[in-house]
N, C-alpha and C. Protein backbone atom coordinates (compact mmCIF):
# COMPACT_ATOMS: atom_id res chain seq x y z
N MET A 1 0.65 -1.12 0.06
CA MET A 1 0.38 -0.05 0.35
C MET A 1 0.93 1.21 -0.01
N GLU A 2 0.60 2.61 -1.19
CA GLU A 2 1.91 3.46 -1.14
C GLU A 2 0.80 4.27 0.12
N SER A 3 1.43 5.51 0.03
CA SER A 3 0.73 6.61 0.44
C SER A 3 -0.14 7.52 -0.62
N VAL A 4 -0.95 8.21 0.04
CA VAL A 4 -1.37 9.14 -0.31
C VAL A 4 -0.58 10.09 -0.98
N ARG A 5 0.42 10.79 -0.67
CA ARG A 5 0.94 11.74 -1.34
C ARG A 5 1.42 11.13 -2.44
N LYS A 6 2.09 9.97 -2.43
CA LYS A 6 2.54 9.05 -3.53
C LYS A 6 1.66 8.91 -5.33
N GLY A 7 0.59 8.20 -4.01
CA GLY A 7 -0.34 8.10 -5.37
C GLY A 7 -0.95 9.02 -5.89
N MET A 8 -0.88 10.61 -5.32
CA MET A 8 -1.30 11.76 -6.23
C MET A 8 -0.27 12.59 -7.41
N ARG A 9 1.14 12.23 -6.20
CA ARG A 9 2.30 12.15 -7.51
C ARG A 9 2.11 10.87 -8.97
N SER A 10 2.12 9.95 -8.95
CA SER A 10 1.73 8.98 -9.99
C SER A 10 0.80 9.15 -10.71
N GLY A 11 -0.35 10.18 -10.19
CA GLY A 11 -1.64 9.95 -11.31
C GLY A 11 -2.71 8.84 -10.76
N ALA A 12 -2.05 8.05 -9.51
CA ALA A 12 -3.92 7.33 -8.96
C ALA A 12 -4.48 7.98 -8.02
N ILE A 13 -4.70 9.29 -7.26
CA ILE A 13 -5.01 9.72 -7.34
C ILE A 13 -5.76 11.41 -7.55
N GLU A 14 -6.54 11.86 -8.08
CA GLU A 14 -7.11 13.69 -8.11
C GLU A 14 -7.41 14.29 -7.46
N LYS A 15 -7.41 15.68 -6.69
CA LYS A 15 -8.01 16.24 -6.13
C LYS A 15 -9.00 17.21 -7.18
N ASP A 16 -10.47 17.25 -6.78
CA ASP A 16 -11.68 18.06 -7.72
C ASP A 16 -11.69 18.85 -7.67
N THR A 17 -12.37 19.53 -7.99
CA THR A 17 -12.69 22.16 -7.50
C THR A 17 -12.93 21.80 -5.72
N TYR A 18 -13.14 20.88 -5.04
CA TYR A 18 -13.72 21.24 -3.92
C TYR A 18 -12.72 20.31 -3.07
N GLU A 19 -11.34 20.45 -3.51
CA GLU A 19 -10.76 19.58 -2.85
C GLU A 19 -10.53 18.16 -2.07
N ARG A 20 -11.45 17.78 -2.60
CA ARG A 20 -11.75 16.46 -2.09
C ARG A 20 -10.71 15.35 -3.29
N LEU A 21 -10.57 13.95 -2.71
CA LEU A 21 -9.60 13.02 -3.16
C LEU A 21 -9.99 11.96 -4.33
N ASN A 22 -10.29 11.78 -5.51
CA ASN A 22 -10.83 10.61 -6.04
C ASN A 22 -10.19 9.73 -6.53
N CYS A 23 -10.50 8.72 -7.15
CA CYS A 23 -9.45 8.07 -7.74
C CYS A 23 -9.53 8.25 -9.20
N ALA A 24 -8.50 8.24 -9.20
CA ALA A 24 -7.96 8.02 -10.80
C ALA A 24 -8.96 7.81 -12.24
N GLU A 25 -8.90 6.60 -11.57
CA GLU A 25 -9.26 5.31 -12.98
C GLU A 25 -10.35 4.93 -12.62
N CYS A 26 -10.96 5.28 -11.33
CA CYS A 26 -12.91 5.10 -11.80
C CYS A 26 -13.11 6.16 -10.85
N ASP A 27 -12.88 7.45 -11.06
CA ASP A 27 -13.37 8.77 -11.08
C ASP A 27 -14.44 8.89 -9.53
N THR A 28 -14.10 8.16 -8.35
CA THR A 28 -14.78 7.96 -7.58
C THR A 28 -14.34 9.03 -6.34
N GLU A 29 -15.02 9.21 -5.47
CA GLU A 29 -14.50 9.85 -4.05
C GLU A 29 -14.25 8.55 -3.07
N LEU A 30 -13.33 8.64 -2.57
CA LEU A 30 -12.04 7.70 -1.36
C LEU A 30 -13.06 7.65 -0.64
N GLY A 31 -13.28 6.85 0.19
CA GLY A 31 -13.94 6.84 1.52
C GLY A 31 -12.45 7.09 2.65
N THR A 32 -12.72 6.31 3.46
CA THR A 32 -11.87 6.90 4.87
C THR A 32 -12.20 5.10 5.85
N LYS A 33 -11.51 4.83 6.10
CA LYS A 33 -11.19 3.86 7.80
C LYS A 33 -10.11 4.67 8.99
N ASN A 34 -10.83 4.90 9.60
CA ASN A 34 -9.69 4.96 10.61
C ASN A 34 -10.03 3.74 11.57
N ASP A 35 -8.46 2.86 12.24
CA ASP A 35 -8.06 1.90 12.94
C ASP A 35 -7.75 2.39 14.07
N PRO A 36 -8.05 2.55 15.34
CA PRO A 36 -8.34 3.56 16.41
C PRO A 36 -6.63 2.49 16.65
N ASP A 37 -6.55 1.73 16.69
CA ASP A 37 -5.43 1.15 16.78
C ASP A 37 -4.05 0.98 16.45
N ALA A 38 -4.26 2.18 14.66
CA ALA A 38 -3.48 2.16 14.18
C ALA A 38 -2.68 2.99 13.86
N MET A 39 -1.00 4.12 13.67
CA MET A 39 -1.65 5.13 12.86
C MET A 39 -1.71 5.47 11.99
N GLY A 40 -2.71 6.35 11.80
CA GLY A 40 -2.44 6.91 10.26
C GLY A 40 -4.15 6.72 10.12
N THR A 41 -5.06 7.15 9.23
CA THR A 41 -5.56 6.37 8.25
C THR A 41 -5.69 5.96 6.83
N VAL A 42 -6.16 4.82 6.57
CA VAL A 42 -6.47 4.77 5.24
C VAL A 42 -7.55 5.02 4.07
N ARG A 43 -7.44 5.53 3.34
CA ARG A 43 -7.97 6.32 1.83
C ARG A 43 -8.79 4.62 0.90
N PHE A 44 -9.16 4.88 0.59
CA PHE A 44 -9.88 3.70 -0.25
C PHE A 44 -10.77 3.40 -1.68
N CYS A 45 -10.32 3.38 -2.29
CA CYS A 45 -11.88 3.77 -3.30
C CYS A 45 -12.71 2.07 -3.70
N PRO A 46 -14.58 2.60 -3.25
CA PRO A 46 -15.54 1.48 -2.92
C PRO A 46 -15.57 1.35 -4.57
N GLU A 47 -15.07 1.60 -5.31
CA GLU A 47 -14.84 0.71 -6.83
C GLU A 47 -14.26 0.30 -6.99
N CYS A 48 -12.75 0.49 -6.71
CA CYS A 48 -11.77 -1.11 -7.42
C CYS A 48 -10.78 -2.06 -6.44
N GLY A 49 -11.45 -0.40 -4.95
CA GLY A 49 -11.08 -1.47 -4.23
C GLY A 49 -9.19 -1.33 -3.73
N ARG A 50 -8.90 -0.17 -4.42
CA ARG A 50 -7.72 0.21 -3.87
C ARG A 50 -7.53 0.76 -2.69
N GLU A 51 -6.55 0.90 -2.36
CA GLU A 51 -6.25 1.38 -0.99
C GLU A 51 -5.04 2.87 -0.61
N TRP A 52 -4.85 4.01 -0.08
CA TRP A 52 -4.02 4.23 -0.26
C TRP A 52 -3.69 4.78 1.42
N GLN A 53 -2.65 5.08 2.03
CA GLN A 53 -2.26 4.92 3.53
C GLN A 53 -1.87 6.46 3.64
N ARG A 54 -2.85 7.60 4.95
CA ARG A 54 -2.35 8.33 4.95
C ARG A 54 -1.53 8.86 7.02
N ILE A 55 -0.34 9.16 7.04
CA ILE A 55 -0.04 9.45 7.87
C ILE A 55 -0.34 10.66 7.94
N GLY A 56 -0.25 10.69 9.79
CA GLY A 56 -0.04 11.89 10.27
C GLY A 56 -1.06 12.77 10.53
């Protein structure tokens, strides 16, 4: 799983006009998974199932 920042640089994630993160392949807004025991947040695409990790 790569980071959100790397996904944006590679073109796998795009921001729309309202600064929401979208999957470039599916053009779908990313969802969020918060695990209280883990550090960071996981952003995922509900259509294709790809995941990116956001730390911080």
